[in-house]
Amino acid sequence: MQVGIVLPIRYPNRTFRLAGVGAWLDWAQLPETGFFYQDKQDGFIPERGDIVVYEKLLSDNSHDHIGIILACHDNKILVAEGNKDNKNYSSVLYRDRGHCILGYIRIDNGYHYNFTGEYAPIR
């Protein structure tokens, strides 16, 4: 909200709240958003402000962690993460772009959340 992006707590008619990685991934892959990119997909290079979605970084579960890209340097990304290494503290660190990354979420600068339908989350 501080950077001007308004998002719902739970995207309408979806199962998960945006407090979990699965919800971010689900939301970013919707046809109306299309914000999910794989690394190097069509020349995609992560930029400051993108969200990185990790795959089995902290557990054996799919899409188990996220971070915010601060910078990208060749094969390394500088990220800000909460719950680093499952130890409940925040950190800024470098990670290898080729290790445990499912993809990235880049929210379009023109995105505006606007929902006027009936709110009925999928259960």
C-alpha atoms as a PDB file:
ATOM      1  CA  MET A   1       0.000   0.000   0.000  1.00  0.00           C
ATOM      2  CA  GLN A   2       2.879   2.352   0.736  1.00  0.00           C
ATOM      3  CA  VAL A   3       4.073   2.149  -2.876  1.00  0.00           C
ATOM      4  CA  GLY A   4       0.585   2.724  -4.244  1.00  0.00           C
ATOM      5  CA  ILE A   5      -0.446  -0.845  -5.034  1.00  0.00           C
ATOM      6  CA  VAL A   6      -3.803  -1.803  -3.562  1.00  0.00           C
ATOM      7  CA  LEU A   7      -4.375  -5.547  -3.276  1.00  0.00           C
ATOM      8  CA  PRO A   8      -7.182  -7.488  -1.597  1.00  0.00           C
ATOM      9  CA  ILE A   9      -6.554  -9.670   1.439  1.00  0.00           C
ATOM     10  CA  ARG A  10      -7.986 -12.539  -0.573  1.00  0.00           C
ATOM     11  CA  TYR A  11      -8.454 -12.182  -4.301  1.00  0.00           C
ATOM     12  CA  PRO A  12     -12.195 -12.599  -4.972  1.00  0.00           C
ATOM     13  CA  ASN A  13     -13.413 -16.103  -5.624  1.00  0.00           C
ATOM     14  CA  ARG A  14     -10.028 -17.712  -5.022  1.00  0.00           C
ATOM     15  CA  THR A  15      -9.122 -20.142  -2.251  1.00  0.00           C
ATOM     16  CA  PHE A  16      -6.123 -18.598  -0.504  1.00  0.00           C
ATOM     17  CA  ARG A  17      -5.331 -15.312   1.240  1.00  0.00           C
ATOM     18  CA  LEU A  18      -2.407 -13.274  -0.075  1.00  0.00           C
ATOM     19  CA  ALA A  19      -0.567 -13.996   3.164  1.00  0.00           C
ATOM     20  CA  GLY A  20       0.597 -17.281   1.627  1.00  0.00           C
ATOM     21  CA  VAL A  21       2.926 -17.953  -1.291  1.00  0.00           C
ATOM     22  CA  GLY A  22       0.330 -20.150  -3.020  1.00  0.00           C
ATOM     23  CA  ALA A  23      -2.104 -17.261  -3.213  1.00  0.00           C
ATOM     24  CA  TRP A  24       0.492 -14.943  -4.773  1.00  0.00           C
ATOM     25  CA  LEU A  25       1.306 -17.585  -7.371  1.00  0.00           C
ATOM     26  CA  ASP A  26      -2.378 -18.307  -8.055  1.00  0.00           C
ATOM     27  CA  TRP A  27      -3.184 -14.590  -8.400  1.00  0.00           C
ATOM     28  CA  ALA A  28      -0.160 -13.808 -10.597  1.00  0.00           C
ATOM     29  CA  GLN A  29      -1.088 -16.590 -13.045  1.00  0.00           C
ATOM     30  CA  LEU A  30      -4.707 -15.474 -13.557  1.00  0.00           C
ATOM     31  CA  PRO A  31      -5.568 -14.541 -17.158  1.00  0.00           C
ATOM     32  CA  GLU A  32      -6.529 -11.031 -16.045  1.00  0.00           C
ATOM     33  CA  THR A  33      -3.172 -10.426 -14.372  1.00  0.00           C
ATOM     34  CA  GLY A  34      -0.541 -12.508 -16.200  1.00  0.00           C
ATOM     35  CA  PHE A  35       2.162 -11.285 -13.817  1.00  0.00           C
ATOM     36  CA  PHE A  36       4.084 -14.559 -13.421  1.00  0.00           C
ATOM     37  CA  TYR A  37       7.334 -15.099 -15.360  1.00  0.00           C
ATOM     38  CA  GLN A  38       9.909 -17.824 -15.364  1.00  0.00           C
ATOM     39  CA  ASP A  39      13.535 -16.724 -15.227  1.00  0.00           C
ATOM     40  CA  LYS A  40      14.828 -15.877 -18.719  1.00  0.00           C
ATOM     41  CA  GLN A  41      11.352 -16.552 -20.232  1.00  0.00           C
ATOM     42  CA  ASP A  42      11.264 -14.434 -23.392  1.00  0.00           C
ATOM     43  CA  GLY A  43      14.353 -12.604 -22.109  1.00  0.00           C
ATOM     44  CA  PHE A  44      12.852 -11.886 -18.681  1.00  0.00           C
ATOM     45  CA  ILE A  45      15.365 -10.545 -16.169  1.00  0.00           C
ATOM     46  CA  PRO A  46      14.249  -9.826 -12.604  1.00  0.00           C
ATOM     47  CA  GLU A  47      14.247  -6.185 -11.537  1.00  0.00           C
ATOM     48  CA  ARG A  48      14.026  -4.238  -8.306  1.00  0.00           C
ATOM     49  CA  GLY A  49      10.504  -4.627  -6.898  1.00  0.00           C
ATOM     50  CA  ASP A  50       9.750  -8.000  -8.484  1.00  0.00           C
ATOM     51  CA  ILE A  51       8.689 -10.823  -6.193  1.00  0.00           C
ATOM     52  CA  VAL A  52      10.701 -14.042  -6.426  1.00  0.00           C
ATOM     53  CA  VAL A  53       8.823 -17.308  -5.821  1.00  0.00           C
ATOM     54  CA  TYR A  54      11.054 -20.095  -4.544  1.00  0.00           C
ATOM     55  CA  GLU A  55      10.493 -23.786  -5.196  1.00  0.00           C
ATOM     56  CA  LYS A  56      11.391 -26.116  -2.318  1.00  0.00           C
ATOM     57  CA  LEU A  57      13.887 -23.708  -0.790  1.00  0.00           C
ATOM     58  CA  LEU A  58      12.918 -24.218   2.861  1.00  0.00           C
ATOM     59  CA  SER A  59      10.928 -27.461   2.676  1.00  0.00           C
ATOM     60  CA  ASP A  60       9.870 -30.256   0.342  1.00  0.00           C
ATOM     61  CA  ASN A  61       6.711 -28.303  -0.499  1.00  0.00           C
ATOM     62  CA  SER A  62       6.190 -26.549  -3.793  1.00  0.00           C
ATOM     63  CA  HIS A  63       6.354 -22.720  -3.856  1.00  0.00           C
ATOM     64  CA  ASP A  64       7.394 -22.520  -0.207  1.00  0.00           C
ATOM     65  CA  HIS A  65       8.948 -19.046   0.101  1.00  0.00           C
ATOM     66  CA  ILE A  66       9.011 -15.577  -1.485  1.00  0.00           C
ATOM     67  CA  GLY A  67      11.215 -12.499  -1.385  1.00  0.00           C
ATOM     68  CA  ILE A  68      11.415  -9.051  -2.925  1.00  0.00           C
ATOM     69  CA  ILE A  69      14.134  -8.364  -5.484  1.00  0.00           C
ATOM     70  CA  LEU A  70      16.386  -5.447  -4.603  1.00  0.00           C
ATOM     71  CA  ALA A  71      18.870  -5.954  -7.458  1.00  0.00           C
ATOM     72  CA  CYS A  72      19.933  -8.479 -10.083  1.00  0.00           C
ATOM     73  CA  HIS A  73      23.622  -9.049 -10.809  1.00  0.00           C
ATOM     74  CA  ASP A  74      24.327 -11.658 -13.503  1.00  0.00           C
ATOM     75  CA  ASN A  75      23.498 -14.991 -11.820  1.00  0.00           C
ATOM     76  CA  LYS A  76      22.760 -13.568  -8.373  1.00  0.00           C
ATOM     77  CA  ILE A  77      19.772 -11.702  -6.990  1.00  0.00           C
ATOM     78  CA  LEU A  78      19.801  -9.443  -3.944  1.00  0.00           C
ATOM     79  CA  VAL A  79      16.583 -10.098  -2.050  1.00  0.00           C
ATOM     80  CA  ALA A  80      14.753  -8.969   1.054  1.00  0.00           C
ATOM     81  CA  GLU A  81      13.057 -11.883   2.788  1.00  0.00           C
ATOM     82  CA  GLY A  82      11.099 -12.511   5.930  1.00  0.00           C
ATOM     83  CA  ASN A  83      11.393 -15.800   7.797  1.00  0.00           C
ATOM     84  CA  LYS A  84      14.884 -16.417   6.417  1.00  0.00           C
ATOM     85  CA  ASP A  85      15.797 -20.100   6.602  1.00  0.00           C
ATOM     86  CA  ASN A  86      12.608 -20.722   8.633  1.00  0.00           C
ATOM     87  CA  LYS A  87      14.145 -18.914  11.616  1.00  0.00           C
ATOM     88  CA  ASN A  88      11.567 -16.105  11.862  1.00  0.00           C
ATOM     89  CA  TYR A  89      13.799 -13.144  11.101  1.00  0.00           C
ATOM     90  CA  SER A  90      14.138 -10.840   8.120  1.00  0.00           C
ATOM     91  CA  SER A  91      17.265 -10.509   6.054  1.00  0.00           C
ATOM     92  CA  VAL A  92      18.779  -8.999   2.927  1.00  0.00           C
ATOM     93  CA  LEU A  93      20.975 -11.498   1.110  1.00  0.00           C
ATOM     94  CA  TYR A  94      22.220 -12.742  -2.252  1.00  0.00           C
ATOM     95  CA  ARG A  95      20.754 -15.900  -3.758  1.00  0.00           C
ATOM     96  CA  ASP A  96      21.770 -17.829  -6.857  1.00  0.00           C
ATOM     97  CA  ARG A  97      19.303 -17.340  -9.729  1.00  0.00           C
ATOM     98  CA  GLY A  98      19.705 -20.982 -10.723  1.00  0.00           C
ATOM     99  CA  HIS A  99      18.809 -22.459  -7.326  1.00  0.00           C
ATOM    100  CA  CYS A 100      15.258 -23.247  -6.166  1.00  0.00           C
ATOM    101  CA  ILE A 101      13.529 -20.458  -8.106  1.00  0.00           C
ATOM    102  CA  LEU A 102      10.129 -21.218  -9.596  1.00  0.00           C
ATOM    103  CA  GLY A 103       9.726 -17.765 -11.130  1.00  0.00           C
ATOM    104  CA  TYR A 104       8.958 -14.111 -10.556  1.00  0.00           C
ATOM    105  CA  ILE A 105       5.935 -11.898 -10.138  1.00  0.00           C
ATOM    106  CA  ARG A 106       6.089  -8.480 -11.742  1.00  0.00           C
ATOM    107  CA  ILE A 107       3.024  -6.383 -11.005  1.00  0.00           C
ATOM    108  CA  ASP A 108       2.289  -4.100 -13.926  1.00  0.00           C
ATOM    109  CA  ASN A 109       2.600  -0.410 -13.040  1.00  0.00           C
ATOM    110  CA  GLY A 110      -0.862   0.206 -14.446  1.00  0.00           C
ATOM    111  CA  TYR A 111      -2.549  -2.473 -12.315  1.00  0.00           C
ATOM    112  CA  HIS A 112      -5.540  -1.317 -10.284  1.00  0.00           C
ATOM    113  CA  TYR A 113      -7.576  -3.644  -8.132  1.00  0.00           C
ATOM    114  CA  ASN A 114     -11.241  -3.140  -8.873  1.00  0.00           C
ATOM    115  CA  PHE A 115     -13.864  -5.710  -7.943  1.00  0.00           C
ATOM    116  CA  THR A 116     -17.582  -5.113  -8.200  1.00  0.00           C
ATOM    117  CA  GLY A 117     -18.910  -8.694  -8.316  1.00  0.00           C
ATOM    118  CA  GLU A 118     -20.120 -10.953  -5.558  1.00  0.00           C
ATOM    119  CA  TYR A 119     -17.423 -12.112  -3.159  1.00  0.00           C
ATOM    120  CA  ALA A 120     -17.652 -15.925  -2.882  1.00  0.00           C
ATOM    121  CA  PRO A 121     -14.255 -17.512  -2.099  1.00  0.00           C
ATOM    122  CA  ILE A 122     -13.708 -21.016  -3.426  1.00  0.00           C
ATOM    123  CA  ARG A 123     -13.494 -23.516  -0.587  1.00  0.00           C
END
